[in-house]
Amino acid sequence: MDRSYWLVNSNRSRIKRFIENTNNKNQFFKYMFIDSGKVTS
């Protein structure tokens, strides 16, 4: 399972999720995927 980290702004209208790529075969670099979005209700 990949690790994920969340960043939410103070008024909770925007979010970002950072996901570590653990399936990377490169031993010298770490890669992350970044998802961003807007919260709607």
PDB file of N, CA and C in Angstrom:
ATOM      1  N   MET A   1       0.834  -1.187   0.000  1.00  0.00           N
ATOM      2  CA  MET A   1       0.000   0.000   0.000  1.00  0.00           C
ATOM      3  C   MET A   1       0.874   1.245   0.000  1.00  0.00           C
ATOM      4  N   ASP A   2       0.497   2.213  -0.798  1.00  0.00           N
ATOM      5  CA  ASP A   2       1.246   3.462  -0.866  1.00  0.00           C
ATOM      6  C   ASP A   2       0.851   4.367   0.291  1.00  0.00           C
ATOM      7  N   ARG A   3       1.838   5.118   0.787  1.00  0.00           N
ATOM      8  CA  ARG A   3       1.549   6.103   1.819  1.00  0.00           C
ATOM      9  C   ARG A   3       0.938   7.327   1.175  1.00  0.00           C
ATOM     10  N   SER A   4      -0.014   7.937   1.867  1.00  0.00           N
ATOM     11  CA  SER A   4      -0.570   9.186   1.350  1.00  0.00           C
ATOM     12  C   SER A   4      -0.640  10.207   2.482  1.00  0.00           C
ATOM     13  N   TYR A   5      -0.458  11.458   2.117  1.00  0.00           N
ATOM     14  CA  TYR A   5      -0.485  12.569   3.050  1.00  0.00           C
ATOM     15  C   TYR A   5      -1.477  13.596   2.516  1.00  0.00           C
ATOM     16  N   TRP A   6      -2.215  14.251   3.407  1.00  0.00           N
ATOM     17  CA  TRP A   6      -3.242  15.208   3.020  1.00  0.00           C
ATOM     18  C   TRP A   6      -2.869  16.595   3.510  1.00  0.00           C
ATOM     19  N   LEU A   7      -3.179  17.596   2.692  1.00  0.00           N
ATOM     20  CA  LEU A   7      -3.000  18.989   3.061  1.00  0.00           C
ATOM     21  C   LEU A   7      -4.328  19.693   2.772  1.00  0.00           C
ATOM     22  N   VAL A   8      -4.936  20.282   3.820  1.00  0.00           N
ATOM     23  CA  VAL A   8      -6.238  20.932   3.697  1.00  0.00           C
ATOM     24  C   VAL A   8      -6.071  22.379   4.147  1.00  0.00           C
ATOM     25  N   ASN A   9      -6.579  23.340   3.341  1.00  0.00           N
ATOM     26  CA  ASN A   9      -6.427  24.733   3.750  1.00  0.00           C
ATOM     27  C   ASN A   9      -7.371  25.066   4.900  1.00  0.00           C
ATOM     28  N   SER A  10      -7.189  26.243   5.517  1.00  0.00           N
ATOM     29  CA  SER A  10      -7.867  26.558   6.773  1.00  0.00           C
ATOM     30  C   SER A  10      -9.382  26.683   6.636  1.00  0.00           C
ATOM     31  N   ASN A  11      -9.903  27.127   5.493  1.00  0.00           N
ATOM     32  CA  ASN A  11     -11.360  27.211   5.367  1.00  0.00           C
ATOM     33  C   ASN A  11     -11.937  25.975   4.678  1.00  0.00           C
ATOM     34  N   ARG A  12     -11.134  24.944   4.505  1.00  0.00           N
ATOM     35  CA  ARG A  12     -11.525  23.615   4.013  1.00  0.00           C
ATOM     36  C   ARG A  12     -12.186  23.632   2.639  1.00  0.00           C
ATOM     37  N   SER A  13     -11.717  24.520   1.762  1.00  0.00           N
ATOM     38  CA  SER A  13     -12.284  24.563   0.420  1.00  0.00           C
ATOM     39  C   SER A  13     -11.375  23.901  -0.617  1.00  0.00           C
ATOM     40  N   ARG A  14     -10.106  23.738  -0.309  1.00  0.00           N
ATOM     41  CA  ARG A  14      -9.162  23.101  -1.234  1.00  0.00           C
ATOM     42  C   ARG A  14      -8.361  22.030  -0.500  1.00  0.00           C
ATOM     43  N   ILE A  15      -8.037  20.947  -1.216  1.00  0.00           N
ATOM     44  CA  ILE A  15      -7.241  19.869  -0.630  1.00  0.00           C
ATOM     45  C   ILE A  15      -6.174  19.423  -1.616  1.00  0.00           C
ATOM     46  N   LYS A  16      -5.097  18.865  -1.086  1.00  0.00           N
ATOM     47  CA  LYS A  16      -4.057  18.226  -1.886  1.00  0.00           C
ATOM     48  C   LYS A  16      -3.711  16.902  -1.223  1.00  0.00           C
ATOM     49  N   ARG A  17      -3.498  15.884  -2.031  1.00  0.00           N
ATOM     50  CA  ARG A  17      -3.087  14.574  -1.523  1.00  0.00           C
ATOM     51  C   ARG A  17      -1.764  14.221  -2.176  1.00  0.00           C
ATOM     52  N   PHE A  18      -0.793  13.850  -1.370  1.00  0.00           N
ATOM     53  CA  PHE A  18       0.531  13.462  -1.835  1.00  0.00           C
ATOM     54  C   PHE A  18       0.678  11.964  -1.596  1.00  0.00           C
ATOM     55  N   ILE A  19       1.003  11.215  -2.655  1.00  0.00           N
ATOM     56  CA  ILE A  19       1.101   9.760  -2.562  1.00  0.00           C
ATOM     57  C   ILE A  19       2.511   9.336  -2.955  1.00  0.00           C
ATOM     58  N   GLU A  20       3.187   8.635  -2.051  1.00  0.00           N
ATOM     59  CA  GLU A  20       4.523   8.114  -2.356  1.00  0.00           C
ATOM     60  C   GLU A  20       4.417   6.942  -3.308  1.00  0.00           C
ATOM     61  N   ASN A  21       5.267   6.907  -4.299  1.00  0.00           N
ATOM     62  CA  ASN A  21       5.315   5.786  -5.235  1.00  0.00           C
ATOM     63  C   ASN A  21       6.273   4.749  -4.677  1.00  0.00           C
ATOM     64  N   THR A  22       5.733   3.668  -4.131  1.00  0.00           N
ATOM     65  CA  THR A  22       6.580   2.621  -3.549  1.00  0.00           C
ATOM     66  C   THR A  22       6.976   1.573  -4.585  1.00  0.00           C
ATOM     67  N   ASN A  23       6.409   1.635  -5.789  1.00  0.00           N
ATOM     68  CA  ASN A  23       6.751   0.666  -6.839  1.00  0.00           C
ATOM     69  C   ASN A  23       7.884   1.168  -7.727  1.00  0.00           C
ATOM     70  N   ASN A  24       8.570   2.201  -7.288  1.00  0.00           N
ATOM     71  CA  ASN A  24       9.646   2.790  -8.063  1.00  0.00           C
ATOM     72  C   ASN A  24      10.876   1.886  -8.041  1.00  0.00           C
ATOM     73  N   LYS A  25      11.450   1.635  -9.198  1.00  0.00           N
ATOM     74  CA  LYS A  25      12.639   0.787  -9.277  1.00  0.00           C
ATOM     75  C   LYS A  25      13.934   1.588  -9.173  1.00  0.00           C
ATOM     76  N   ASN A  26      13.830   2.907  -9.230  1.00  0.00           N
ATOM     77  CA  ASN A  26      14.998   3.762  -9.112  1.00  0.00           C
ATOM     78  C   ASN A  26      15.374   3.889  -7.648  1.00  0.00           C
ATOM     79  N   GLN A  27      16.588   3.512  -7.288  1.00  0.00           N
ATOM     80  CA  GLN A  27      16.987   3.509  -5.889  1.00  0.00           C
ATOM     81  C   GLN A  27      17.492   4.858  -5.398  1.00  0.00           C
ATOM     82  N   PHE A  28      17.707   5.816  -6.293  1.00  0.00           N
ATOM     83  CA  PHE A  28      18.276   7.095  -5.902  1.00  0.00           C
ATOM     84  C   PHE A  28      17.239   8.200  -5.747  1.00  0.00           C
ATOM     85  N   PHE A  29      16.077   8.065  -6.349  1.00  0.00           N
ATOM     86  CA  PHE A  29      15.054   9.099  -6.311  1.00  0.00           C
ATOM     87  C   PHE A  29      13.741   8.533  -5.789  1.00  0.00           C
ATOM     88  N   LYS A  30      13.007   9.358  -5.046  1.00  0.00           N
ATOM     89  CA  LYS A  30      11.650   9.011  -4.622  1.00  0.00           C
ATOM     90  C   LYS A  30      10.694   9.862  -5.441  1.00  0.00           C
ATOM     91  N   TYR A  31       9.587   9.274  -5.833  1.00  0.00           N
ATOM     92  CA  TYR A  31       8.597   9.980  -6.625  1.00  0.00           C
ATOM     93  C   TYR A  31       7.286  10.048  -5.859  1.00  0.00           C
ATOM     94  N   MET A  32       6.560  11.156  -6.050  1.00  0.00           N
ATOM     95  CA  MET A  32       5.255  11.332  -5.428  1.00  0.00           C
ATOM     96  C   MET A  32       4.248  11.765  -6.481  1.00  0.00           C
ATOM     97  N   PHE A  33       3.028  11.293  -6.316  1.00  0.00           N
ATOM     98  CA  PHE A  33       1.915  11.763  -7.124  1.00  0.00           C
ATOM     99  C   PHE A  33       1.173  12.802  -6.312  1.00  0.00           C
ATOM    100  N   ILE A  34       0.718  13.878  -6.949  1.00  0.00           N
ATOM    101  CA  ILE A  34       0.009  14.945  -6.244  1.00  0.00           C
ATOM    102  C   ILE A  34      -1.360  15.114  -6.881  1.00  0.00           C
ATOM    103  N   ASP A  35      -2.409  14.918  -6.085  1.00  0.00           N
ATOM    104  CA  ASP A  35      -3.782  15.167  -6.494  1.00  0.00           C
ATOM    105  C   ASP A  35      -4.249  16.435  -5.811  1.00  0.00           C
ATOM    106  N   SER A  36      -4.971  17.278  -6.528  1.00  0.00           N
ATOM    107  CA  SER A  36      -5.535  18.468  -5.906  1.00  0.00           C
ATOM    108  C   SER A  36      -6.997  18.570  -6.275  1.00  0.00           C
ATOM    109  N   GLY A  37      -7.764  19.204  -5.396  1.00  0.00           N
ATOM    110  CA  GLY A  37      -9.176  19.313  -5.660  1.00  0.00           C
ATOM    111  C   GLY A  37      -9.835  20.418  -4.866  1.00  0.00           C
ATOM    112  N   LYS A  38     -11.078  20.657  -5.205  1.00  0.00           N
ATOM    113  CA  LYS A  38     -11.895  21.668  -4.539  1.00  0.00           C
ATOM    114  C   LYS A  38     -13.068  20.968  -3.886  1.00  0.00           C
ATOM    115  N   VAL A  39     -13.323  21.285  -2.625  1.00  0.00           N
ATOM    116  CA  VAL A  39     -14.405  20.664  -1.885  1.00  0.00           C
ATOM    117  C   VAL A  39     -15.699  21.406  -2.201  1.00  0.00           C
ATOM    118  N   THR A  40     -16.701  20.656  -2.596  1.00  0.00           N
ATOM    119  CA  THR A  40     -18.026  21.228  -2.840  1.00  0.00           C
ATOM    120  C   THR A  40     -19.047  20.463  -2.010  1.00  0.00           C
ATOM    121  N   SER A  41     -20.103  21.130  -1.642  1.00  0.00           N
ATOM    122  CA  SER A  41     -21.134  20.427  -0.856  1.00  0.00           C
ATOM    123  C   SER A  41     -22.501  20.605  -1.462  1.00  0.00           C
TER     124      SER A  41
END
